[in-house]
Protein backbone atom coordinates (compact mmCIF):
# COMPACT_ATOMS: atom_id res chain seq x y z
CA UNK A 1 270.03 11.91 144.74
CA UNK A 2 267.40 9.11 145.44
CA UNK A 3 266.91 6.23 148.35
CA UNK A 4 264.98 3.08 148.61
CA UNK A 5 263.54 1.21 152.13
CA UNK A 6 263.00 -1.78 149.78
CA UNK A 7 260.20 -3.02 147.56
CA UNK A 8 256.84 -5.71 147.44
CA UNK A 9 253.79 -6.47 148.28
CA UNK A 10 253.56 -2.73 150.27
CA UNK A 11 249.25 -2.12 150.36
CA UNK A 12 247.76 1.77 150.78
CA UNK A 13 244.66 -0.83 152.16
CA UNK A 14 247.23 -2.48 154.99
CA UNK A 15 249.08 0.83 156.20
CA UNK A 16 247.45 2.36 158.96
CA UNK A 17 248.20 6.84 158.62
CA UNK A 18 250.44 6.64 161.66
CA UNK A 19 252.28 4.30 159.73
CA UNK A 20 253.13 5.10 156.53
CA UNK A 21 253.44 8.65 158.13
CA UNK A 22 256.15 7.14 159.86
CA UNK A 23 257.94 5.47 156.97
CA UNK A 24 257.25 8.76 154.99
CA UNK A 25 259.53 11.25 157.21
CA UNK A 26 261.81 8.55 157.93
CA UNK A 27 262.99 8.19 154.38
CA UNK A 28 262.74 12.37 154.38
CA UNK A 29 265.09 12.55 156.51
CA UNK A 30 267.80 9.67 155.45
CA UNK A 31 267.28 11.90 152.46
CA UNK A 32 267.41 15.26 153.93
CA UNK A 33 270.41 14.28 155.40
CA UNK A 34 272.48 12.84 152.44
CA UNK A 35 271.13 15.86 150.04
CA UNK A 36 272.85 18.34 152.77
CA UNK A 37 276.48 16.63 151.97
CA UNK A 38 275.88 16.99 148.58
CA UNK A 39 275.04 20.75 148.92
CA UNK A 40 278.06 21.20 151.21
CA UNK A 41 279.83 20.28 148.61
CA UNK A 42 280.94 17.08 149.51
CA UNK A 43 281.60 13.63 147.23
CA UNK A 44 278.33 11.63 146.33
CA UNK A 45 280.04 8.76 148.38
CA UNK A 46 279.70 10.37 151.17
CA UNK A 47 275.51 11.37 150.81
CA UNK A 48 274.53 7.67 150.05
CA UNK A 49 276.31 6.41 153.14
CA UNK A 50 275.31 8.95 155.39
CA UNK A 51 271.76 8.49 154.00
CA UNK A 52 271.86 4.38 154.22
CA UNK A 53 273.97 5.02 157.30
CA UNK A 54 270.56 6.98 158.73
CA UNK A 55 268.32 4.28 157.42
CA UNK A 56 270.25 1.06 159.48
CA UNK A 57 269.70 3.36 162.24
CA UNK A 58 266.00 2.91 161.77
CA UNK A 59 264.81 -0.37 162.50
CA UNK A 60 261.38 0.41 160.41
CA UNK A 61 264.03 -1.24 157.84
CA UNK A 62 265.92 -4.54 157.82
CA UNK A 63 269.20 -3.28 157.61
CA UNK A 64 270.99 -2.27 160.75
CA UNK A 65 269.58 -2.06 163.67
CA UNK A 66 266.48 -3.56 161.94
CA UNK A 67 267.76 -6.33 160.98
CA UNK A 68 265.64 -9.81 160.72
CA UNK A 69 266.87 -12.55 162.69
CA UNK A 70 268.25 -15.35 160.88
CA UNK A 71 267.80 -19.51 161.51
CA UNK A 72 269.73 -19.28 164.73
CA UNK A 73 268.61 -16.35 166.30
CA UNK A 74 271.45 -14.11 165.78
CA UNK A 75 271.61 -10.71 162.98
CA UNK A 76 273.79 -10.92 159.89
CA UNK A 77 274.10 -8.03 157.97
CA UNK A 78 275.80 -7.27 154.31
CA UNK A 79 276.78 -4.27 152.74
CA UNK A 80 278.27 -2.63 149.75
CA UNK A 81 279.58 1.11 148.85
CA UNK A 82 280.87 1.75 144.53
CA UNK A 83 282.12 5.01 143.49
CA UNK A 84 281.74 5.96 140.40
CA UNK A 85 284.86 8.07 139.30
CA UNK A 86 287.29 5.06 139.93
CA UNK A 87 285.13 2.10 140.46
CA UNK A 88 286.27 1.91 143.45
CA UNK A 89 283.70 -0.76 145.81
CA UNK A 90 283.83 -2.12 149.04
CA UNK A 91 281.28 -5.04 150.49
CA UNK A 92 281.00 -7.10 153.33
CA UNK A 93 278.58 -10.01 154.34
CA UNK A 94 277.28 -12.04 157.23
CA UNK A 95 278.47 -9.55 159.78
CA UNK A 96 277.16 -9.06 163.43
CA UNK A 97 276.65 -6.47 166.25
CA UNK A 98 278.25 -4.18 163.71
CA UNK A 99 276.18 -0.59 164.09
CA UNK A 100 276.91 0.60 160.84
CA UNK A 101 277.87 -2.13 157.54
CA UNK A 102 277.32 0.38 155.14
CA UNK A 103 279.89 2.23 157.08
CA UNK A 104 282.60 -0.82 157.40
CA UNK A 105 281.95 -1.13 153.46
CA UNK A 106 283.17 2.18 153.52
CA UNK A 107 286.36 1.33 154.78
CA UNK A 108 287.12 -1.32 153.48
CA UNK A 109 286.90 0.59 150.37
CA UNK A 110 289.48 3.31 151.43
CA UNK A 111 291.85 1.52 153.75
CA UNK A 112 292.44 -1.79 152.68
CA UNK A 113 293.37 -3.13 148.96
CA UNK A 114 290.41 -5.53 149.12
CA UNK A 115 286.66 -5.27 148.25
CA UNK A 116 284.73 -7.92 149.71
CA UNK A 117 285.43 -9.25 153.45
CA UNK A 118 282.75 -11.62 154.85
CA UNK A 119 281.86 -13.16 158.66
CA UNK A 120 284.59 -13.06 161.54
CA UNK A 121 287.40 -11.33 159.45
CA UNK A 122 285.74 -8.38 158.28
CA UNK A 123 284.48 -7.88 161.82
CA UNK A 124 288.50 -8.32 162.61
CA UNK A 125 288.77 -5.45 160.20
CA UNK A 126 286.09 -3.32 161.71
CA UNK A 127 287.62 -3.90 165.13
CA UNK A 128 291.25 -2.72 163.76
CA UNK A 129 289.37 0.35 162.14
CA UNK A 130 287.75 1.42 165.60
CA UNK A 131 283.46 0.75 164.04
CA UNK A 132 280.95 0.95 166.47
CA UNK A 133 280.05 -2.41 167.57
CA UNK A 134 276.75 -3.12 169.43
CA UNK A 135 274.95 -5.90 171.61
CA UNK A 136 272.52 -7.88 170.93
CA UNK A 137 269.69 -6.32 172.51
CA UNK A 138 270.47 -3.44 170.28
CA UNK A 139 269.83 -5.21 167.54
CA UNK A 140 266.28 -7.05 168.96
CA UNK A 141 262.77 -5.97 167.88
CA UNK A 142 259.86 -7.65 169.29
CA UNK A 143 258.01 -7.53 165.81
CA UNK A 144 261.15 -8.54 164.00
CA UNK A 145 261.51 -11.62 166.81
CA UNK A 146 257.36 -12.99 167.07
CA UNK A 147 258.00 -13.11 162.56
CA UNK A 148 261.34 -15.01 163.59
CA UNK A 149 259.31 -17.07 165.90
CA UNK A 150 256.68 -17.67 163.14
CA UNK A 151 258.83 -18.66 160.17
CA UNK A 152 261.21 -21.30 162.88
CA UNK A 153 257.49 -22.85 163.88
CA UNK A 154 256.49 -22.96 159.78
CA UNK A 155 260.26 -23.40 159.11
CA UNK A 156 260.30 -20.97 156.59
CA UNK A 157 262.77 -18.85 155.00
CA UNK A 158 261.13 -15.16 154.93
CA UNK A 159 261.58 -13.02 151.66
CA UNK A 160 259.66 -10.14 153.59
CA UNK A 161 261.12 -8.52 156.60
CA UNK A 162 257.73 -6.96 157.48
CA UNK A 163 254.51 -7.82 157.17
CA UNK A 164 252.28 -4.80 157.22
CA UNK A 165 249.09 -6.23 158.06
CA UNK A 166 250.46 -7.56 160.73
CA UNK A 167 247.56 -9.78 161.48
CA UNK A 168 248.58 -12.01 158.68
CA UNK A 169 252.74 -12.39 159.89
CA UNK A 170 253.06 -16.01 157.81
CA UNK A 171 255.24 -14.66 155.06
CA UNK A 172 252.35 -15.67 152.31
CA UNK A 173 250.15 -12.71 152.47
CA UNK A 174 252.27 -9.58 152.68
CA UNK A 175 256.26 -9.75 150.61
CA UNK A 176 258.31 -7.11 151.72
CA UNK A 177 262.29 -6.76 150.56
CA UNK A 178 264.32 -5.81 153.49
CA UNK A 179 266.83 -3.50 151.88
CA UNK A 180 268.09 0.01 151.85
CA UNK A 181 269.93 1.68 149.74
CA UNK A 182 271.37 5.79 147.58
CA UNK A 183 272.82 6.38 144.41
CA UNK A 184 273.51 9.91 144.48
CA UNK A 185 275.43 12.80 141.33
CA UNK A 186 277.73 14.88 143.21
CA UNK A 187 278.71 18.34 141.81
CA UNK A 188 282.12 17.57 140.91
CA UNK A 189 279.89 15.11 138.49
CA UNK A 190 280.76 12.13 140.24
CA UNK A 191 278.37 8.84 141.04
CA UNK A 192 278.29 6.62 143.68
CA UNK A 193 275.94 3.79 144.98
CA UNK A 194 275.27 2.08 148.18
CA UNK A 195 273.28 -0.57 149.69
CA UNK A 196 272.20 -2.30 152.96
CA UNK A 197 270.62 -5.65 154.48
CA UNK A 198 269.68 -7.62 157.22
CA UNK A 199 268.76 -10.73 154.66
CA UNK A 200 265.87 -13.02 155.08
CA UNK A 201 264.21 -13.72 158.51
CA UNK A 202 264.90 -17.71 159.33
CA UNK A 203 267.91 -17.89 157.01
CA UNK A 204 269.74 -20.31 157.21
CA UNK A 205 273.79 -21.78 156.37
CA UNK A 206 275.41 -17.98 155.44
CA UNK A 207 273.34 -17.11 152.93
CA UNK A 208 273.87 -13.86 150.94
CA UNK A 209 271.98 -12.30 148.64
CA UNK A 210 272.63 -9.26 145.61
CA UNK A 211 273.30 -6.43 148.28
CA UNK A 212 277.12 -6.97 149.44
CA UNK A 213 277.69 -8.10 145.17
CA UNK A 214 279.44 -5.58 143.00
CA UNK A 215 276.91 -5.43 139.89
CA UNK A 216 274.53 -7.32 141.67
CA UNK A 217 272.47 -5.18 143.95
CA UNK A 218 275.40 -2.60 143.86
CA UNK A 219 277.06 -0.39 140.73
CA UNK A 220 278.20 2.84 139.86
CA UNK A 221 280.68 4.22 136.78
CA UNK A 222 280.83 8.01 136.09
CA UNK A 223 280.12 6.81 132.57
CA UNK A 224 276.51 5.76 132.85
CA UNK A 225 275.04 5.38 135.96
CA UNK A 226 274.57 4.56 139.77
CA UNK A 227 272.04 1.94 140.64
CA UNK A 228 270.96 0.06 144.15
CA UNK A 229 268.67 -3.08 144.02
CA UNK A 230 266.09 -4.54 146.15
CA UNK A 231 264.15 -7.72 145.40
CA UNK A 232 264.62 -11.49 145.82
CA UNK A 233 268.73 -11.19 145.82
CA UNK A 234 268.45 -14.85 144.39
CA UNK A 235 266.88 -13.37 140.89
CA UNK A 236 268.92 -10.38 141.07
CA UNK A 237 272.02 -12.28 141.08
CA UNK A 238 271.91 -14.37 137.99
CA UNK A 239 270.72 -11.31 136.47
CA UNK A 240 273.29 -8.94 137.76
CA UNK A 241 270.78 -6.17 137.50
CA UNK A 242 272.85 -3.41 138.76
CA UNK A 243 275.62 -3.75 136.05
CA UNK A 244 273.13 -4.80 133.75
CA UNK A 245 271.76 -1.16 133.85
CA UNK A 246 275.15 0.41 133.22
CA UNK A 247 276.49 -2.23 130.35
CA UNK A 248 272.55 -1.53 128.38
CA UNK A 249 273.55 2.36 128.87
CA UNK A 250 277.63 1.90 127.78
CA UNK A 251 276.86 -1.11 124.68
CA UNK A 252 273.70 -0.70 123.84
CA UNK A 253 272.98 3.07 124.21
CA UNK A 254 269.57 3.04 125.85
CA UNK A 255 268.80 5.85 128.33
CA UNK A 256 268.89 5.33 131.70
CA UNK A 257 264.74 5.12 131.53
CA UNK A 258 265.21 2.42 129.12
CA UNK A 259 267.71 0.72 130.65
CA UNK A 260 266.28 0.08 134.37
CA UNK A 261 262.96 -0.56 132.29
CA UNK A 262 264.42 -3.58 130.07
CA UNK A 263 265.85 -4.64 133.37
CA UNK A 264 263.01 -4.79 136.15
CA UNK A 265 259.90 -5.28 134.02
CA UNK A 266 261.32 -7.69 130.88
CA UNK A 267 264.10 -9.69 132.50
CA UNK A 268 263.80 -9.86 136.22
CA UNK A 269 259.89 -10.89 134.57
CA UNK A 270 261.34 -13.31 132.31
CA UNK A 271 263.28 -15.38 135.35
CA UNK A 272 260.05 -14.80 137.69
CA UNK A 273 261.86 -12.42 139.88
CA UNK A 274 260.31 -9.60 142.03
CA UNK A 275 261.81 -6.26 143.37
CA UNK A 276 262.75 -2.78 141.94
CA UNK A 277 265.87 -0.20 142.06
CA UNK A 278 267.08 3.36 141.89
CA UNK A 279 269.34 4.87 139.17
CA UNK A 280 270.29 8.30 138.37
CA UNK A 281 272.73 8.56 135.56
CA UNK A 282 275.61 11.67 134.97
CA UNK A 283 272.96 13.74 133.35
CA UNK A 284 271.04 14.09 136.21
CA UNK A 285 268.12 11.57 135.30
CA UNK A 286 266.23 9.69 137.98
CA UNK A 287 264.97 5.98 137.68
CA UNK A 288 263.00 4.00 140.42
CA UNK A 289 261.22 0.77 138.32
CA UNK A 290 259.32 -1.78 140.58
CA UNK A 291 258.11 -4.81 139.67
CA UNK A 292 256.43 -5.75 142.83
CA UNK A 293 252.89 -4.02 144.59
CA UNK A 294 254.73 -0.97 145.98
CA UNK A 295 258.63 0.09 147.04
CA UNK A 296 259.80 3.19 149.71
CA UNK A 297 261.62 5.28 147.86
CA UNK A 298 262.50 9.63 147.75
CA UNK A 299 264.46 11.60 145.56
CA UNK A 300 265.34 15.43 145.34
CA UNK A 301 267.29 17.64 142.61
CA UNK A 302 268.26 20.92 142.59
CA UNK A 303 266.05 23.79 143.31
CA UNK A 304 263.47 21.34 143.77
CA UNK A 305 261.42 19.68 147.14
CA UNK A 306 262.14 15.73 148.29
CA UNK A 307 259.49 13.76 146.30
CA UNK A 308 258.48 10.01 148.70
CA UNK A 309 256.20 7.14 147.59
CA UNK A 310 255.29 4.27 148.73
CA UNK A 311 252.69 2.20 146.33
CA UNK A 312 252.67 2.12 142.93
CA UNK A 313 249.87 5.17 142.30
């Protein structure tokens, strides 16, 4: 199993020891909670949804509770989940006040004939299925609000949901692409992936990135791999990154590592896109490439301890 908490210009020089430990402990908690379900014989889908749910509940990450502010001072969240056995999927975009959008994505997958719901209709569906809603105050974070105010003042749409050096929060010095995600392989050989995000600070016009788009930000197929992406969403949409990893494996016969390398460090780079992804294949291989300075990431395999990393080195 592997998880991520976003990629971008994440430099050790700008990270305090305390903040670094907070991130690592948060990643560890999400990974171990998801992994525990795998160990209990639960499905890969259950595991990735649980891991993402925990990350959504942590204000350190731009998803769920930690979601950034839109231009109108609200929160608009996106999420998706996909299982590799039957290619079932669920996705949601532009929802507000839903505590865990990833749970809504799973309910859409499990309890409807649809794949993707958005906005008001998605929220009506969530209410019908008794998902938890929270008031605006639950999603309020002072640092997020200060960043939003700064972006609004400078008329910027900021890709960086967290500026690691808080004294440089003009959106130019530090970029961090706020997404969380998880991929897993269970004991039955089934793969699954899930992704969730709060989008861009000061975003306008109902903008939606790659996270809820099956094939761009999330993909799973038992024949090949499960993928969750993080980065500049427009580029991941144009490159159809998550599915393309699978296609390179299925039709091009590339290994997981080579397919991920082709997408992240060649195809994306050629488009001038920045970010990374996590992926796992049916043979338990894991890849976590990124072309940015860093990516919050962690993975675990049977019989091994969790490995948690932030920086390139």
